[in-house]
C-alpha cells in the first residue's frame, strides 16, 4: 500500500513540475506577444490623438505632462505586477503611498515650524521616513498573507481601509501643505526637456526587471505564482517569498508617495482615488497574468505610457473622466479576453501529455 501511495505522490509531483514548466514556457511566449502588442498600442494611440488634435496633443507642455504623470502611476503598476506575479494582488498600494506622503509632509511642517533651515537640511531623513512607512505597510500585508494565511485580496482590502482611515484621522480630512524645497525642485526639474522623475521611474523599472529575471528571489517569485505546489516541492519557502514580495510592493508604494509630493507639494488621504483600478488595468494590459507566474516590466512601462497617452488625448478632445473610465474598463476586458483565448488555443494545441506508468 505504501508503494502505491509513493508512486502516486511521485506522479503528482511530476505532473505539477510539468505543468509548472509548461506554464512558464507559454508564459514567455505570452510575454513576447504582450510587449509587441503594447508597442503597437502606444504607436496607434499616439497617432490617433496626434491626428485628431495636433495643436494641443503635440504641444511641448502636453508631452511633458505625459512624462510627468507617468512615474507615480507606473511605479504603483510595477508594484501591482509584483503582487500579481505571485498569484496575489495588493489593493492597499495607493493608500500606503498617501500615508507615506502625509508622513513626509507632516514631519517637514513640524520641523519647519521651529527651524526652517533644519527642515530643509533634514530632506534625506524625511525622504527615508516616507519610504519606511511604505515598507512598514508592505510588512503588515506580508505577515497577514504569508504567516496568517489570509487571501491577498481580502488582506489588502482590509489594510487599504485601515490605512485610509489612519490618513483621514491624521489629516482631519484636509489637504496638507509643506514639502522640502529640494524635493519640489526635483519634481519640477527636467533633463533635456524630459522630467527628472521619468528617468527615476525608468531606473526603478530596470532594477525591478533585473531582480525578476536575474536573481534567485525573482525566480522564486515567478515559480510561486506559476505553481505553488511545484514550488514547495522544489524547496522554495513560500512564506519567505510572499513576505519579500509584499515588502517590495510596500517599498515601491513609499517611493510612489515621494513622487506624489514631488510633483504636487501637497498630501491628502484621497489623492489618486482612481489609481487602484488604473494600475490593475496597466499591469494586466502589460502582459501580467492575474493568476500569477509571469509578467514583464517592459510591458507594464509601455502600458503606463499607453494609458497616459489615452488620458491626455481624452483631455485634448474635451472628453469626460467618465468616458475615460469606460475606455479603461473596455481595454482591460478586451486584453484579458484576447489573452485567455490565445492561451487556451496554444495550450490545447501543444501541451504534452504525461501518462501514468
Protein backbone atom coordinates (compact mmCIF):
# COMPACT_ATOMS: atom_id res chain seq x y z
CA UNK A 1 0.00 0.00 0.00
CA UNK A 2 2.90 2.35 0.84
CA UNK A 3 4.45 1.68 -2.57
CA UNK A 4 1.22 2.66 -4.32
CA UNK A 5 0.99 5.87 -2.30
CA UNK A 6 4.63 6.67 -3.00
CA UNK A 7 4.16 6.14 -6.75
CA UNK A 8 1.00 8.26 -6.72
CA UNK A 9 2.77 11.10 -4.90
CA UNK A 10 5.69 10.90 -7.30
CA UNK A 11 3.34 11.05 -10.29
CA UNK A 12 1.51 14.04 -8.82
CA UNK A 13 4.80 15.82 -8.27
CA UNK A 14 5.85 15.03 -11.83
CA UNK A 15 2.59 16.39 -13.20
CA UNK A 16 2.98 19.52 -11.08
CA UNK A 17 6.52 20.01 -12.35
CA UNK A 18 5.45 19.53 -15.98
CA UNK A 19 2.51 21.92 -15.53
CA UNK A 20 4.80 24.49 -13.93
CA UNK A 21 7.42 24.22 -16.66
CA UNK A 22 4.80 24.33 -19.40
CA UNK A 23 3.11 27.32 -17.84
CA UNK A 24 6.43 29.14 -17.82
CA UNK A 25 7.13 28.22 -21.47
CA UNK A 26 3.74 29.51 -22.61
CA UNK A 27 4.18 32.47 -20.29
CA UNK A 28 7.36 33.51 -22.07
CA UNK A 29 5.56 33.31 -25.40
CA UNK A 30 2.74 35.42 -23.96
CA UNK A 31 5.23 37.97 -22.62
CA UNK A 32 6.80 38.47 -26.02
CA UNK A 33 3.36 38.87 -27.57
CA UNK A 34 2.32 41.25 -24.78
CA UNK A 35 5.31 43.55 -25.34
CA UNK A 36 4.74 43.60 -29.11
CA UNK A 37 1.06 44.34 -28.53
CA UNK A 38 1.90 47.25 -26.24
CA UNK A 39 4.39 48.70 -28.71
CA UNK A 40 1.68 48.65 -31.36
CA UNK A 41 -0.89 50.21 -29.00
CA UNK A 42 1.49 53.01 -27.97
CA UNK A 43 2.09 53.93 -31.60
CA UNK A 44 -1.61 53.67 -32.55
CA UNK A 45 -2.83 55.70 -29.55
CA UNK A 46 -0.24 58.42 -30.14
CA UNK A 47 -1.00 58.57 -33.87
CA UNK A 48 -4.78 58.79 -33.37
CA UNK A 49 -4.69 61.75 -30.98
CA UNK A 50 -1.89 63.44 -32.92
CA UNK A 51 -4.14 63.42 -35.97
CA UNK A 52 -7.37 64.36 -34.17
CA UNK A 53 -5.94 67.26 -32.11
CA UNK A 54 -2.38 68.01 -33.20
CA UNK A 55 -2.22 71.59 -31.91
CA UNK A 56 -2.96 70.52 -28.33
CA UNK A 57 -1.75 66.94 -28.14
CA UNK A 58 1.65 67.53 -29.79
CA UNK A 59 2.44 70.65 -27.79
CA UNK A 60 5.58 70.54 -25.64
CA UNK A 61 3.57 71.13 -22.48
CA UNK A 62 1.25 68.19 -23.14
CA UNK A 63 4.11 65.80 -23.94
CA UNK A 64 5.94 66.85 -20.77
CA UNK A 65 2.75 66.29 -18.77
CA UNK A 66 2.52 62.73 -20.11
CA UNK A 67 6.09 62.08 -18.98
CA UNK A 68 5.45 63.81 -15.63
CA UNK A 69 2.23 61.93 -14.81
CA UNK A 70 3.57 58.51 -15.76
CA UNK A 71 6.13 57.86 -12.94
CA UNK A 72 3.81 57.74 -9.92
CA UNK A 73 1.26 55.56 -11.73
CA UNK A 74 3.97 53.43 -13.34
CA UNK A 75 5.70 52.66 -10.04
CA UNK A 76 2.39 51.60 -8.49
CA UNK A 77 1.64 49.45 -11.56
CA UNK A 78 5.02 47.69 -11.20
CA UNK A 79 4.22 47.07 -7.54
CA UNK A 80 0.85 45.60 -8.55
CA UNK A 81 2.64 43.47 -11.15
CA UNK A 82 4.90 42.00 -8.44
CA UNK A 83 1.91 41.08 -6.28
CA UNK A 84 0.13 39.51 -9.27
CA UNK A 85 3.30 37.63 -10.19
CA UNK A 86 2.85 35.52 -7.04
CA UNK A 87 -0.82 34.96 -7.83
CA UNK A 88 -1.95 37.66 -5.40
CA UNK A 89 -2.93 41.31 -5.52
CA UNK A 90 -2.31 44.45 -3.46
CA UNK A 91 -5.25 46.83 -3.18
CA UNK A 92 -3.55 48.92 -0.49
CA UNK A 93 -0.85 50.42 -2.75
CA UNK A 94 -2.42 53.87 -3.17
CA UNK A 95 -3.44 54.11 0.49
CA UNK A 96 0.12 53.23 1.53
CA UNK A 97 1.57 55.83 -0.87
CA UNK A 98 -0.76 58.51 0.52
CA UNK A 99 0.20 57.61 4.08
CA UNK A 100 3.88 57.92 3.13
CA UNK A 101 3.28 61.33 1.54
CA UNK A 102 1.30 62.53 4.58
CA UNK A 103 4.10 61.37 6.89
CA UNK A 104 6.72 63.34 4.93
CA UNK A 105 4.60 66.48 4.78
CA UNK A 106 3.77 66.31 8.49
CA UNK A 107 7.39 65.85 9.57
CA UNK A 108 8.59 68.66 7.33
CA UNK A 109 5.91 71.07 8.57
CA UNK A 110 6.61 70.23 12.22
CA UNK A 111 10.36 70.75 11.88
CA UNK A 112 9.97 73.86 9.71
CA UNK A 113 7.75 75.48 12.35
CA UNK A 114 10.75 75.57 14.69
CA UNK A 115 13.69 75.82 12.29
CA UNK A 116 13.09 76.16 8.52
CA UNK A 117 16.77 75.67 7.76
CA UNK A 118 16.90 72.43 9.72
CA UNK A 119 13.77 71.23 7.92
CA UNK A 120 15.45 71.69 4.55
CA UNK A 121 18.66 70.04 5.77
CA UNK A 122 16.61 67.08 7.03
CA UNK A 123 15.37 66.36 3.50
CA UNK A 124 17.12 62.92 3.22
CA UNK A 125 15.73 61.78 6.58
CA UNK A 126 12.23 62.96 5.69
CA UNK A 127 12.50 61.03 2.43
CA UNK A 128 13.59 57.88 4.28
CA UNK A 129 10.72 58.29 6.76
CA UNK A 130 8.17 58.23 3.93
CA UNK A 131 9.76 55.18 2.31
CA UNK A 132 9.92 53.46 5.72
CA UNK A 133 6.16 53.94 6.11
CA UNK A 134 5.69 52.21 2.75
CA UNK A 135 7.91 49.31 3.81
CA UNK A 136 6.02 49.02 7.11
CA UNK A 137 2.73 48.80 5.20
CA UNK A 138 4.20 46.10 2.99
CA UNK A 139 5.40 44.17 6.06
CA UNK A 140 1.89 44.22 7.52
CA UNK A 141 0.47 42.85 4.27
CA UNK A 142 3.23 40.25 4.11
CA UNK A 143 2.52 38.98 7.61
CA UNK A 144 -1.23 38.78 7.02
CA UNK A 145 -0.77 36.90 3.72
CA UNK A 146 2.29 34.71 4.30
CA UNK A 147 2.06 33.99 8.03
CA UNK A 148 -1.61 34.33 8.98
CA UNK A 149 -2.72 32.92 5.61
CA UNK A 150 -5.37 35.47 4.64
CA UNK A 151 -6.23 35.61 0.93
CA UNK A 152 -4.31 38.55 -0.63
CA UNK A 153 -7.38 40.34 -1.97
CA UNK A 154 -9.07 40.30 1.46
CA UNK A 155 -5.90 41.11 3.42
CA UNK A 156 -5.01 44.12 1.27
CA UNK A 157 -8.64 45.27 1.09
CA UNK A 158 -8.60 45.36 4.88
CA UNK A 159 -5.28 47.19 5.14
CA UNK A 160 -6.41 49.63 2.45
CA UNK A 161 -9.36 50.58 4.66
CA UNK A 162 -7.13 50.79 7.73
CA UNK A 163 -4.50 52.98 6.03
CA UNK A 164 -7.19 55.22 4.55
CA UNK A 165 -8.80 55.58 7.97
CA UNK A 166 -5.48 56.46 9.59
CA UNK A 167 -4.79 59.05 6.89
CA UNK A 168 -8.20 60.68 7.29
CA UNK A 169 -7.92 60.76 11.10
CA UNK A 170 -4.36 62.10 10.82
CA UNK A 171 -5.22 64.95 8.45
CA UNK A 172 -8.77 65.58 9.61
CA UNK A 173 -9.82 65.10 6.01
CA UNK A 174 -7.83 68.16 4.96
CA UNK A 175 -5.05 68.62 2.42
CA UNK A 176 -1.63 69.15 3.96
CA UNK A 177 0.79 71.69 2.53
CA UNK A 178 4.51 71.62 3.02
CA UNK A 179 7.29 69.81 1.18
CA UNK A 180 11.10 70.20 1.25
CA UNK A 181 12.19 72.65 -1.43
CA UNK A 182 14.77 70.17 -2.69
CA UNK A 183 12.06 67.58 -3.37
CA UNK A 184 9.86 70.12 -5.12
CA UNK A 185 12.84 71.18 -7.22
CA UNK A 186 13.45 67.60 -8.30
CA UNK A 187 9.79 67.20 -9.21
CA UNK A 188 9.90 70.33 -11.37
CA UNK A 189 13.32 69.72 -12.95
CA UNK A 190 13.95 68.33 -16.42
CA UNK A 191 16.85 66.75 -18.29
CA UNK A 192 16.83 67.55 -21.99
CA UNK A 193 13.22 68.69 -21.64
CA UNK A 194 12.16 65.36 -20.07
CA UNK A 195 11.08 65.40 -16.38
CA UNK A 196 13.70 64.02 -13.99
CA UNK A 197 11.06 61.86 -12.28
CA UNK A 198 10.55 60.00 -15.56
CA UNK A 199 14.21 58.98 -15.61
CA UNK A 200 13.96 57.85 -11.98
CA UNK A 201 10.92 55.76 -12.94
CA UNK A 202 12.84 54.12 -15.80
CA UNK A 203 15.77 53.31 -13.48
CA UNK A 204 13.38 51.71 -10.97
CA UNK A 205 11.74 49.71 -13.76
CA UNK A 206 15.14 48.44 -14.94
CA UNK A 207 16.09 47.49 -11.37
CA UNK A 208 12.87 45.52 -10.83
CA UNK A 209 13.27 43.87 -14.24
CA UNK A 210 16.79 42.72 -13.34
CA UNK A 211 15.56 41.48 -9.97
CA UNK A 212 12.79 39.40 -11.53
CA UNK A 213 14.86 37.87 -14.31
CA UNK A 214 18.38 37.71 -12.87
CA UNK A 215 18.14 36.99 -9.14
CA UNK A 216 17.13 33.94 -7.04
CA UNK A 217 14.33 35.98 -5.41
CA UNK A 218 12.87 36.81 -8.81
CA UNK A 219 12.93 33.15 -9.82
CA UNK A 220 11.24 32.14 -6.55
CA UNK A 221 8.53 34.78 -7.06
CA UNK A 222 7.84 33.50 -10.59
CA UNK A 223 7.72 29.85 -9.53
CA UNK A 224 5.49 30.69 -6.57
CA UNK A 225 2.96 32.22 -8.93
CA UNK A 226 3.31 29.62 -11.70
CA UNK A 227 2.70 26.61 -9.47
CA UNK A 228 2.80 26.89 -5.65
CA UNK A 229 2.75 23.09 -5.21
CA UNK A 230 5.70 22.53 -7.52
CA UNK A 231 7.49 25.45 -5.88
CA UNK A 232 7.07 23.83 -2.47
CA UNK A 233 8.45 20.51 -3.72
CA UNK A 234 11.37 22.44 -5.22
CA UNK A 235 12.32 23.64 -1.75
CA UNK A 236 11.08 27.21 -2.12
CA UNK A 237 9.99 28.77 1.17
CA UNK A 238 6.55 30.12 0.31
CA UNK A 239 6.23 32.30 3.41
CA UNK A 240 9.58 33.97 2.86
CA UNK A 241 8.88 34.54 -0.84
CA UNK A 242 5.48 36.12 -0.23
CA UNK A 243 6.83 38.22 2.62
CA UNK A 244 9.66 39.52 0.42
CA UNK A 245 7.25 40.29 -2.40
CA UNK A 246 4.88 42.39 -0.29
CA UNK A 247 7.77 44.20 1.38
CA UNK A 248 8.89 45.16 -2.15
CA UNK A 249 5.39 46.35 -3.09
CA UNK A 250 5.37 48.44 0.10
CA UNK A 251 8.78 49.88 -0.77
CA UNK A 252 7.53 50.89 -4.22
CA UNK A 253 4.41 52.40 -2.64
CA UNK A 254 6.62 54.53 -0.40
CA UNK A 255 8.58 55.70 -3.45
CA UNK A 256 5.29 56.49 -5.20
CA UNK A 257 4.39 58.62 -2.17
CA UNK A 258 7.63 60.54 -2.70
CA UNK A 259 6.62 61.06 -6.34
CA UNK A 260 3.20 62.29 -5.19
CA UNK A 261 4.53 65.24 -3.20
CA UNK A 262 7.49 65.88 -5.51
CA UNK A 263 5.08 66.53 -8.36
CA UNK A 264 2.46 68.31 -6.28
CA UNK A 265 3.65 69.72 -2.91
CA UNK A 266 0.53 68.63 -1.02
CA UNK A 267 -0.65 65.42 0.63
CA UNK A 268 -4.15 64.11 1.33
CA UNK A 269 -5.95 60.88 2.14
CA UNK A 270 -7.92 60.79 -1.10
CA UNK A 271 -5.20 61.59 -3.63
CA UNK A 272 -5.24 59.21 -6.61
CA UNK A 273 -8.56 57.63 -5.63
CA UNK A 274 -8.93 56.16 -9.14
CA UNK A 275 -5.40 54.77 -9.26
CA UNK A 276 -6.25 51.33 -7.83
CA UNK A 277 -8.30 50.29 -10.87
CA UNK A 278 -5.87 52.08 -13.19
CA UNK A 279 -2.77 50.18 -12.01
CA UNK A 280 -4.62 46.86 -12.26
CA UNK A 281 -5.55 47.71 -15.84
CA UNK A 282 -1.94 48.68 -16.60
CA UNK A 283 -0.47 45.53 -15.05
CA UNK A 284 -2.81 43.19 -16.93
CA UNK A 285 -2.57 45.15 -20.17
CA UNK A 286 1.22 45.00 -19.88
CA UNK A 287 1.18 41.20 -20.01
CA UNK A 288 0.89 40.23 -16.34
CA UNK A 289 -1.01 37.01 -15.74
CA UNK A 290 -3.58 37.74 -12.99
CA UNK A 291 -3.23 34.10 -11.88
CA UNK A 292 0.50 34.52 -11.37
CA UNK A 293 3.63 33.02 -12.89
CA UNK A 294 4.75 35.56 -15.47
CA UNK A 295 4.92 39.28 -16.11
CA UNK A 296 7.07 41.79 -17.91
CA UNK A 297 8.27 45.13 -16.60
CA UNK A 298 8.72 46.48 -20.13
CA UNK A 299 5.11 45.65 -20.91
CA UNK A 300 3.96 47.49 -17.77
CA UNK A 301 6.04 50.57 -18.69
CA UNK A 302 4.56 50.59 -22.20
CA UNK A 303 1.03 50.09 -20.83
CA UNK A 304 1.59 53.02 -18.46
CA UNK A 305 2.57 55.24 -21.37
CA UNK A 306 -0.37 53.99 -23.46
CA UNK A 307 -2.99 54.85 -20.86
CA UNK A 308 -1.36 58.19 -20.13
CA UNK A 309 -1.46 58.97 -23.84
CA UNK A 310 -5.14 57.98 -23.94
CA UNK A 311 -5.89 60.09 -20.86
CA UNK A 312 -4.08 63.09 -22.33
CA UNK A 313 -5.83 62.56 -25.67
CA UNK A 314 -9.24 62.46 -23.99
CA UNK A 315 -8.41 65.72 -22.22
CA UNK A 316 -7.30 67.32 -25.50
CA UNK A 317 -10.60 66.26 -27.08
CA UNK A 318 -12.50 67.57 -24.04
CA UNK A 319 -13.98 64.16 -23.23
CA UNK A 320 -15.15 63.49 -19.67
CA UNK A 321 -13.47 61.38 -16.98
CA UNK A 322 -16.44 59.01 -17.13
CA UNK A 323 -15.72 58.31 -20.78
CA UNK A 324 -12.09 57.66 -19.88
CA UNK A 325 -13.22 55.24 -17.16
CA UNK A 326 -15.31 53.37 -19.75
CA UNK A 327 -12.26 53.24 -22.02
CA UNK A 328 -10.13 51.79 -19.18
CA UNK A 329 -12.65 49.04 -18.46
CA UNK A 330 -13.07 48.23 -22.14
CA UNK A 331 -9.31 47.98 -22.66
CA UNK A 332 -8.93 45.71 -19.61
CA UNK A 333 -11.74 43.32 -20.60
CA UNK A 334 -10.58 43.18 -24.23
CA UNK A 335 -6.96 42.47 -23.25
CA UNK A 336 -7.91 39.70 -20.79
CA UNK A 337 -10.33 38.08 -23.25
CA UNK A 338 -7.71 38.15 -26.01
CA UNK A 339 -5.03 36.64 -23.75
CA UNK A 340 -7.35 33.87 -22.49
CA UNK A 341 -8.36 32.83 -25.99
CA UNK A 342 -4.76 32.80 -27.19
CA UNK A 343 -3.57 30.94 -24.07
CA UNK A 344 -6.16 28.18 -24.36
CA UNK A 345 -5.52 27.78 -28.06
CA UNK A 346 -1.79 27.34 -27.65
CA UNK A 347 -2.08 25.10 -24.60
CA UNK A 348 -4.61 22.75 -26.25
CA UNK A 349 -2.54 22.51 -29.42
CA UNK A 350 0.89 21.91 -27.95
CA UNK A 351 0.76 20.70 -24.35
CA UNK A 352 2.41 17.28 -23.97
CA UNK A 353 0.56 14.61 -22.02
CA UNK A 354 2.08 12.81 -19.01
CA UNK A 355 0.80 9.25 -18.71
CA UNK A 356 1.00 7.20 -15.52
CA UNK A 357 3.41 4.26 -15.62
